[in-house]
Protein backbone atom coordinates (compact mmCIF):
# COMPACT_ATOMS: atom_id res chain seq x y z
CA MET A 1 157.99 122.22 56.67
CA LEU A 2 158.58 121.23 60.28
CA LEU A 3 162.15 120.05 60.75
CA GLY A 4 162.11 118.99 64.28
CA CYS A 5 160.97 118.81 67.77
CA PHE A 6 163.52 120.34 70.03
CA TYR A 7 161.12 119.62 72.83
CA THR A 8 161.62 119.43 76.57
CA TYR A 9 159.75 116.29 77.51
CA PHE A 10 161.31 114.07 74.92
CA PHE A 11 164.57 115.47 73.62
CA LYS A 12 166.42 117.30 76.37
CA THR A 13 167.68 115.54 79.42
CA HIS A 14 170.35 115.45 82.05
CA LEU A 15 172.59 112.42 82.30
CA THR A 16 173.29 111.92 85.97
CA LEU A 17 176.94 111.56 86.91
CA LEU A 18 176.57 110.68 90.59
CA PRO A 19 176.87 106.89 90.18
CA TYR A 20 180.10 107.42 88.28
CA TYR A 21 181.52 110.27 90.38
CA PRO A 22 180.18 109.93 93.95
CA SER A 23 182.22 112.92 95.14
CA GLY A 24 181.19 114.98 92.11
CA PRO A 25 182.79 115.36 88.67
CA GLY A 26 185.01 118.15 87.50
CA GLY A 27 187.47 118.50 90.39
CA ASN A 28 187.57 122.19 91.32
CA ASP A 29 184.78 122.86 88.82
CA ALA A 30 182.44 120.21 90.23
CA GLU A 31 179.64 122.66 91.02
CA LEU A 32 179.34 123.52 87.33
CA TYR A 33 177.90 120.03 86.89
CA ARG A 34 175.22 120.46 89.57
CA ASN A 35 171.92 121.10 87.79
CA LYS A 36 168.89 123.05 89.05
CA LYS A 37 167.49 119.86 90.59
CA GLY A 38 170.61 119.54 92.74
CA PHE A 39 172.38 116.54 91.23
CA PHE A 40 175.49 116.31 89.08
CA SER A 41 174.78 115.88 85.39
CA ILE A 42 175.65 116.62 81.79
CA ASN A 43 172.97 118.54 79.88
CA VAL A 44 172.07 116.78 76.62
CA GLN A 45 170.16 118.35 73.76
CA VAL A 46 168.86 116.49 70.73
CA VAL A 47 167.23 117.84 67.56
CA CYS A 48 165.11 115.41 65.58
CA ASP A 49 163.11 115.69 62.40
CA ALA A 50 159.36 115.18 62.07
CA ASP A 51 159.96 111.41 61.83
CA LEU A 52 161.80 111.52 65.19
CA GLU A 53 165.13 110.76 63.53
CA ILE A 54 168.05 112.44 65.29
CA ILE A 55 169.73 115.09 63.18
CA ASP A 56 171.83 116.77 65.88
CA ILE A 57 172.93 115.83 69.38
CA VAL A 58 175.19 117.57 71.88
CA ALA A 59 176.19 115.98 75.18
CA ARG A 60 179.09 118.01 76.54
CA TRP A 61 177.69 120.83 78.66
CA PRO A 62 177.73 120.79 82.48
CA GLY A 63 174.35 120.38 84.15
CA SER A 64 174.24 123.99 85.39
CA VAL A 65 174.20 125.42 81.85
CA HIS A 66 170.77 126.67 80.73
CA ASP A 67 169.23 124.92 77.72
CA SER A 68 169.00 128.12 75.69
CA THR A 69 172.71 128.80 76.19
CA ILE A 70 173.50 125.39 74.76
CA PHE A 71 171.18 125.98 71.80
CA LEU A 72 172.85 129.31 71.03
CA ASN A 73 176.16 127.44 70.73
CA LEU A 74 174.96 124.60 68.48
CA ASN A 75 175.97 124.40 64.83
CA ILE A 76 172.32 123.96 63.94
CA HIS A 77 171.56 127.36 65.52
CA THR A 78 174.24 128.96 63.37
CA ASN A 79 172.76 127.30 60.29
CA PHE A 80 169.26 128.53 61.13
CA GLU A 81 170.55 132.06 61.72
CA ALA A 82 172.26 131.96 58.32
CA GLY A 83 169.02 130.85 56.64
CA ARG A 84 170.45 127.53 55.45
CA TYR A 85 167.23 125.63 56.21
CA GLY A 86 164.82 127.90 54.34
CA ASP A 87 161.31 127.77 55.82
CA VAL A 88 162.01 124.86 58.18
CA LEU A 89 160.86 125.32 61.79
CA LEU A 90 161.89 124.10 65.22
CA VAL A 91 159.44 123.68 68.11
CA ASP A 92 160.42 124.03 71.76
CA ASP A 93 159.30 125.18 75.19
CA SER A 94 159.11 128.66 76.67
CA GLY A 95 162.69 128.51 77.95
CA TYR A 96 163.80 129.67 74.51
CA ALA A 97 163.34 132.96 72.70
CA LEU A 98 160.79 133.03 69.91
CA SER A 99 162.36 133.58 66.51
CA SER A 100 161.49 133.27 62.83
CA TYR A 101 162.48 129.58 62.90
CA LEU A 102 161.90 128.62 66.57
CA LEU A 103 158.29 128.36 67.74
CA THR A 104 157.64 128.53 71.47
CA PRO A 105 154.36 128.56 73.43
CA LEU A 106 152.61 131.82 74.21
CA ARG A 107 152.99 132.65 77.91
CA ASN A 108 149.46 133.98 78.45
CA PRO A 109 147.16 132.83 75.67
CA GLN A 110 143.99 134.95 75.52
CA THR A 111 142.05 133.63 72.54
CA PRO A 112 140.92 130.19 71.39
CA ALA A 113 143.42 130.44 68.52
CA GLU A 114 146.28 131.19 70.94
CA ASN A 115 145.26 128.25 73.14
CA LEU A 116 145.16 126.01 70.07
CA TYR A 117 148.65 127.22 69.08
CA ASN A 118 149.97 126.19 72.52
CA GLU A 119 148.54 122.68 72.19
């Protein structure tokens, strides 16, 4: 059973803070909110099920925090690690480590089957 798409193009985003904090958010920690694209943001991650219904959302991490760091700190990660979801799988991009429950693309597919897996 496929639980969700924890997928870059649709379910992870940065909420820009510049219109709300022109001089940058966070006071002395403002640079923590500057993401890799150079603007101030909050990193948001959403987990949805196969019907695209949201089952988990976190919107509290500064923009500079890597997506995989956020995932490692989610309750849903703890639940997957504990085996609470059985044979349910998550799908995401190559910014995450492959695990028994988290499928990521192969970096250098060599066979037709590996290319099909990445599609």
